[in-house]
Amino acid sequence: MFDLNGTYVEDREQIGERGAVQLAKALWSMLANLLAASPRYLRVVEAP
């Protein structure tokens, strides 16, 4: 697995630091696309 600085590390983790960043970006993108596709589920709650 590769760290963020590009070095290879074998530490028995399932994903490396770079993989975790890629998964986070993919999740963020997927949620943004879902929200854009169905804006009716977005509620604006005003403070009292």
PDB file of N, CA and C in Angstrom:
ATOM      1  N   MET A   1       0.813  -1.163   0.000  1.00  0.00           N
ATOM      2  CA  MET A   1       0.000   0.000   0.000  1.00  0.00           C
ATOM      3  C   MET A   1       0.869   1.244   0.000  1.00  0.00           C
ATOM      4  N   PHE A   2       0.345   2.283  -0.575  1.00  0.00           N
ATOM      5  CA  PHE A   2       1.112   3.508  -0.683  1.00  0.00           C
ATOM      6  C   PHE A   2       0.615   4.542   0.312  1.00  0.00           C
ATOM      7  N   ASP A   3       1.551   5.217   0.963  1.00  0.00           N
ATOM      8  CA  ASP A   3       1.223   6.329   1.836  1.00  0.00           C
ATOM      9  C   ASP A   3       0.995   7.577   0.998  1.00  0.00           C
ATOM     10  N   LEU A   4       0.586   8.649   1.666  1.00  0.00           N
ATOM     11  CA  LEU A   4       0.335   9.896   0.960  1.00  0.00           C
ATOM     12  C   LEU A   4       1.608  10.498   0.373  1.00  0.00           C
ATOM     13  N   ASN A   5       2.760  10.205   0.962  1.00  0.00           N
ATOM     14  CA  ASN A   5       4.003  10.747   0.422  1.00  0.00           C
ATOM     15  C   ASN A   5       4.595   9.862  -0.666  1.00  0.00           C
ATOM     16  N   GLY A   6       3.915   8.767  -1.038  1.00  0.00           N
ATOM     17  CA  GLY A   6       4.339   7.937  -2.157  1.00  0.00           C
ATOM     18  C   GLY A   6       5.203   6.750  -1.807  1.00  0.00           C
ATOM     19  N   THR A   7       5.488   6.552  -0.524  1.00  0.00           N
ATOM     20  CA  THR A   7       6.313   5.409  -0.135  1.00  0.00           C
ATOM     21  C   THR A   7       5.444   4.175   0.028  1.00  0.00           C
ATOM     22  N   TYR A   8       6.037   3.022  -0.213  1.00  0.00           N
ATOM     23  CA  TYR A   8       5.325   1.758  -0.088  1.00  0.00           C
ATOM     24  C   TYR A   8       5.500   1.215   1.321  1.00  0.00           C
ATOM     25  N   VAL A   9       4.393   0.847   1.952  1.00  0.00           N
ATOM     26  CA  VAL A   9       4.426   0.344   3.322  1.00  0.00           C
ATOM     27  C   VAL A   9       3.633  -0.957   3.372  1.00  0.00           C
ATOM     28  N   GLU A  10       4.221  -1.982   3.967  1.00  0.00           N
ATOM     29  CA  GLU A  10       3.523  -3.253   4.162  1.00  0.00           C
ATOM     30  C   GLU A  10       3.221  -3.398   5.639  1.00  0.00           C
ATOM     31  N   ASP A  11       1.991  -3.078   6.035  1.00  0.00           N
ATOM     32  CA  ASP A  11       1.652  -3.132   7.453  1.00  0.00           C
ATOM     33  C   ASP A  11       0.357  -3.898   7.717  1.00  0.00           C
ATOM     34  N   ARG A  12      -0.059  -4.703   6.791  1.00  0.00           N
ATOM     35  CA  ARG A  12      -1.220  -5.594   6.915  1.00  0.00           C
ATOM     36  C   ARG A  12      -2.541  -4.873   7.049  1.00  0.00           C
ATOM     37  N   GLU A  13      -2.628  -3.636   6.650  1.00  0.00           N
ATOM     38  CA  GLU A  13      -3.909  -2.945   6.631  1.00  0.00           C
ATOM     39  C   GLU A  13      -4.660  -3.345   5.374  1.00  0.00           C
ATOM     40  N   GLN A  14      -5.961  -3.167   5.392  1.00  0.00           N
ATOM     41  CA  GLN A  14      -6.761  -3.499   4.228  1.00  0.00           C
ATOM     42  C   GLN A  14      -6.565  -2.474   3.116  1.00  0.00           C
ATOM     43  N   ILE A  15      -6.540  -1.200   3.478  1.00  0.00           N
ATOM     44  CA  ILE A  15      -6.295  -0.138   2.504  1.00  0.00           C
ATOM     45  C   ILE A  15      -5.216   0.773   3.073  1.00  0.00           C
ATOM     46  N   GLY A  16      -4.499   1.427   2.212  1.00  0.00           N
ATOM     47  CA  GLY A  16      -3.485   2.374   2.655  1.00  0.00           C
ATOM     48  C   GLY A  16      -4.066   3.758   2.818  1.00  0.00           C
ATOM     49  N   GLU A  17      -3.206   4.714   3.089  1.00  0.00           N
ATOM     50  CA  GLU A  17      -3.664   6.101   3.250  1.00  0.00           C
ATOM     51  C   GLU A  17      -4.237   6.627   1.939  1.00  0.00           C
ATOM     52  N   ARG A  18      -3.563   6.319   0.845  1.00  0.00           N
ATOM     53  CA  ARG A  18      -4.040   6.788  -0.445  1.00  0.00           C
ATOM     54  C   ARG A  18      -5.385   6.167  -0.797  1.00  0.00           C
ATOM     55  N   GLY A  19      -5.544   4.886  -0.477  1.00  0.00           N
ATOM     56  CA  GLY A  19      -6.811   4.211  -0.733  1.00  0.00           C
ATOM     57  C   GLY A  19      -7.943   4.799   0.088  1.00  0.00           C
ATOM     58  N   ALA A  20      -7.642   5.184   1.327  1.00  0.00           N
ATOM     59  CA  ALA A  20      -8.652   5.797   2.177  1.00  0.00           C
ATOM     60  C   ALA A  20      -9.096   7.142   1.610  1.00  0.00           C
ATOM     61  N   VAL A  21      -8.158   7.899   1.081  1.00  0.00           N
ATOM     62  CA  VAL A  21      -8.496   9.197   0.477  1.00  0.00           C
ATOM     63  C   VAL A  21      -9.348   8.980  -0.773  1.00  0.00           C
ATOM     64  N   GLN A  22      -9.009   7.989  -1.577  1.00  0.00           N
ATOM     65  CA  GLN A  22      -9.786   7.706  -2.786  1.00  0.00           C
ATOM     66  C   GLN A  22     -11.202   7.268  -2.436  1.00  0.00           C
ATOM     67  N   LEU A  23     -11.340   6.446  -1.408  1.00  0.00           N
ATOM     68  CA  LEU A  23     -12.678   6.025  -0.988  1.00  0.00           C
ATOM     69  C   LEU A  23     -13.496   7.197  -0.465  1.00  0.00           C
ATOM     70  N   ALA A  24     -12.864   8.086   0.287  1.00  0.00           N
ATOM     71  CA  ALA A  24     -13.570   9.261   0.800  1.00  0.00           C
ATOM     72  C   ALA A  24     -14.034  10.167  -0.336  1.00  0.00           C
ATOM     73  N   LYS A  25     -13.185  10.360  -1.336  1.00  0.00           N
ATOM     74  CA  LYS A  25     -13.565  11.178  -2.492  1.00  0.00           C
ATOM     75  C   LYS A  25     -14.705  10.542  -3.271  1.00  0.00           C
ATOM     76  N   ALA A  26     -14.662   9.226  -3.426  1.00  0.00           N
ATOM     77  CA  ALA A  26     -15.724   8.519  -4.143  1.00  0.00           C
ATOM     78  C   ALA A  26     -17.044   8.626  -3.391  1.00  0.00           C
ATOM     79  N   LEU A  27     -17.009   8.486  -2.074  1.00  0.00           N
ATOM     80  CA  LEU A  27     -18.221   8.598  -1.274  1.00  0.00           C
ATOM     81  C   LEU A  27     -18.788  10.009  -1.352  1.00  0.00           C
ATOM     82  N   TRP A  28     -17.939  11.004  -1.239  1.00  0.00           N
ATOM     83  CA  TRP A  28     -18.364  12.406  -1.325  1.00  0.00           C
ATOM     84  C   TRP A  28     -19.012  12.684  -2.684  1.00  0.00           C
ATOM     85  N   SER A  29     -18.387  12.200  -3.744  1.00  0.00           N
ATOM     86  CA  SER A  29     -18.914  12.402  -5.088  1.00  0.00           C
ATOM     87  C   SER A  29     -20.264  11.712  -5.262  1.00  0.00           C
ATOM     88  N   MET A  30     -20.384  10.479  -4.759  1.00  0.00           N
ATOM     89  CA  MET A  30     -21.631   9.740  -4.881  1.00  0.00           C
ATOM     90  C   MET A  30     -22.758  10.447  -4.139  1.00  0.00           C
ATOM     91  N   LEU A  31     -22.491  10.907  -2.929  1.00  0.00           N
ATOM     92  CA  LEU A  31     -23.524  11.603  -2.169  1.00  0.00           C
ATOM     93  C   LEU A  31     -23.914  12.931  -2.815  1.00  0.00           C
ATOM     94  N   ALA A  32     -22.950  13.638  -3.370  1.00  0.00           N
ATOM     95  CA  ALA A  32     -23.254  14.897  -4.053  1.00  0.00           C
ATOM     96  C   ALA A  32     -24.118  14.641  -5.285  1.00  0.00           C
ATOM     97  N   ASN A  33     -23.824  13.585  -6.016  1.00  0.00           N
ATOM     98  CA  ASN A  33     -24.635  13.253  -7.194  1.00  0.00           C
ATOM     99  C   ASN A  33     -26.045  12.829  -6.807  1.00  0.00           C
ATOM    100  N   LEU A  34     -26.184  12.072  -5.731  1.00  0.00           N
ATOM    101  CA  LEU A  34     -27.514  11.683  -5.270  1.00  0.00           C
ATOM    102  C   LEU A  34     -28.332  12.889  -4.849  1.00  0.00           C
ATOM    103  N   LEU A  35     -27.706  13.819  -4.161  1.00  0.00           N
ATOM    104  CA  LEU A  35     -28.405  15.017  -3.724  1.00  0.00           C
ATOM    105  C   LEU A  35     -28.799  15.887  -4.908  1.00  0.00           C
ATOM    106  N   ALA A  36     -27.932  16.002  -5.895  1.00  0.00           N
ATOM    107  CA  ALA A  36     -28.237  16.807  -7.078  1.00  0.00           C
ATOM    108  C   ALA A  36     -29.352  16.174  -7.899  1.00  0.00           C
ATOM    109  N   ALA A  37     -29.418  14.853  -7.907  1.00  0.00           N
ATOM    110  CA  ALA A  37     -30.427  14.162  -8.692  1.00  0.00           C
ATOM    111  C   ALA A  37     -31.799  14.242  -8.033  1.00  0.00           C
ATOM    112  N   SER A  38     -31.845  14.377  -6.725  1.00  0.00           N
ATOM    113  CA  SER A  38     -33.129  14.407  -6.023  1.00  0.00           C
ATOM    114  C   SER A  38     -33.155  15.524  -4.979  1.00  0.00           C
ATOM    115  N   PRO A  39     -33.276  16.770  -5.411  1.00  0.00           N
ATOM    116  CA  PRO A  39     -33.230  17.886  -4.465  1.00  0.00           C
ATOM    117  C   PRO A  39     -34.439  17.958  -3.540  1.00  0.00           C
ATOM    118  N   ARG A  40     -35.504  17.214  -3.834  1.00  0.00           N
ATOM    119  CA  ARG A  40     -36.696  17.296  -2.976  1.00  0.00           C
ATOM    120  C   ARG A  40     -36.434  16.727  -1.583  1.00  0.00           C
ATOM    121  N   TYR A  41     -35.379  15.918  -1.442  1.00  0.00           N
ATOM    122  CA  TYR A  41     -35.055  15.359  -0.142  1.00  0.00           C
ATOM    123  C   TYR A  41     -34.246  16.313   0.729  1.00  0.00           C
ATOM    124  N   LEU A  42     -33.852  17.422   0.183  1.00  0.00           N
ATOM    125  CA  LEU A  42     -33.083  18.408   0.933  1.00  0.00           C
ATOM    126  C   LEU A  42     -34.060  19.324   1.672  1.00  0.00           C
ATOM    127  N   ARG A  43     -33.958  19.334   2.978  1.00  0.00           N
ATOM    128  CA  ARG A  43     -34.809  20.193   3.792  1.00  0.00           C
ATOM    129  C   ARG A  43     -33.975  21.310   4.381  1.00  0.00           C
ATOM    130  N   VAL A  44     -34.512  22.501   4.359  1.00  0.00           N
ATOM    131  CA  VAL A  44     -33.858  23.625   5.002  1.00  0.00           C
ATOM    132  C   VAL A  44     -34.598  23.903   6.297  1.00  0.00           C
ATOM    133  N   VAL A  45     -33.903  23.769   7.393  1.00  0.00           N
ATOM    134  CA  VAL A  45     -34.515  23.994   8.702  1.00  0.00           C
ATOM    135  C   VAL A  45     -33.998  25.311   9.229  1.00  0.00           C
ATOM    136  N   GLU A  46     -34.933  26.215   9.499  1.00  0.00           N
ATOM    137  CA  GLU A  46     -34.552  27.527  10.004  1.00  0.00           C
ATOM    138  C   GLU A  46     -34.467  27.495  11.519  1.00  0.00           C
ATOM    139  N   ALA A  47     -33.528  28.215  12.042  1.00  0.00           N
ATOM    140  CA  ALA A  47     -33.361  28.311  13.497  1.00  0.00           C
ATOM    141  C   ALA A  47     -34.491  29.176  14.064  1.00  0.00           C
ATOM    142  N   PRO A  48     -34.967  28.847  15.260  1.00  0.00           N
ATOM    143  CA  PRO A  48     -36.055  29.650  15.863  1.00  0.00           C
ATOM    144  C   PRO A  48     -35.598  31.016  16.284  1.00  0.00           C
TER     145      PRO A  48
END
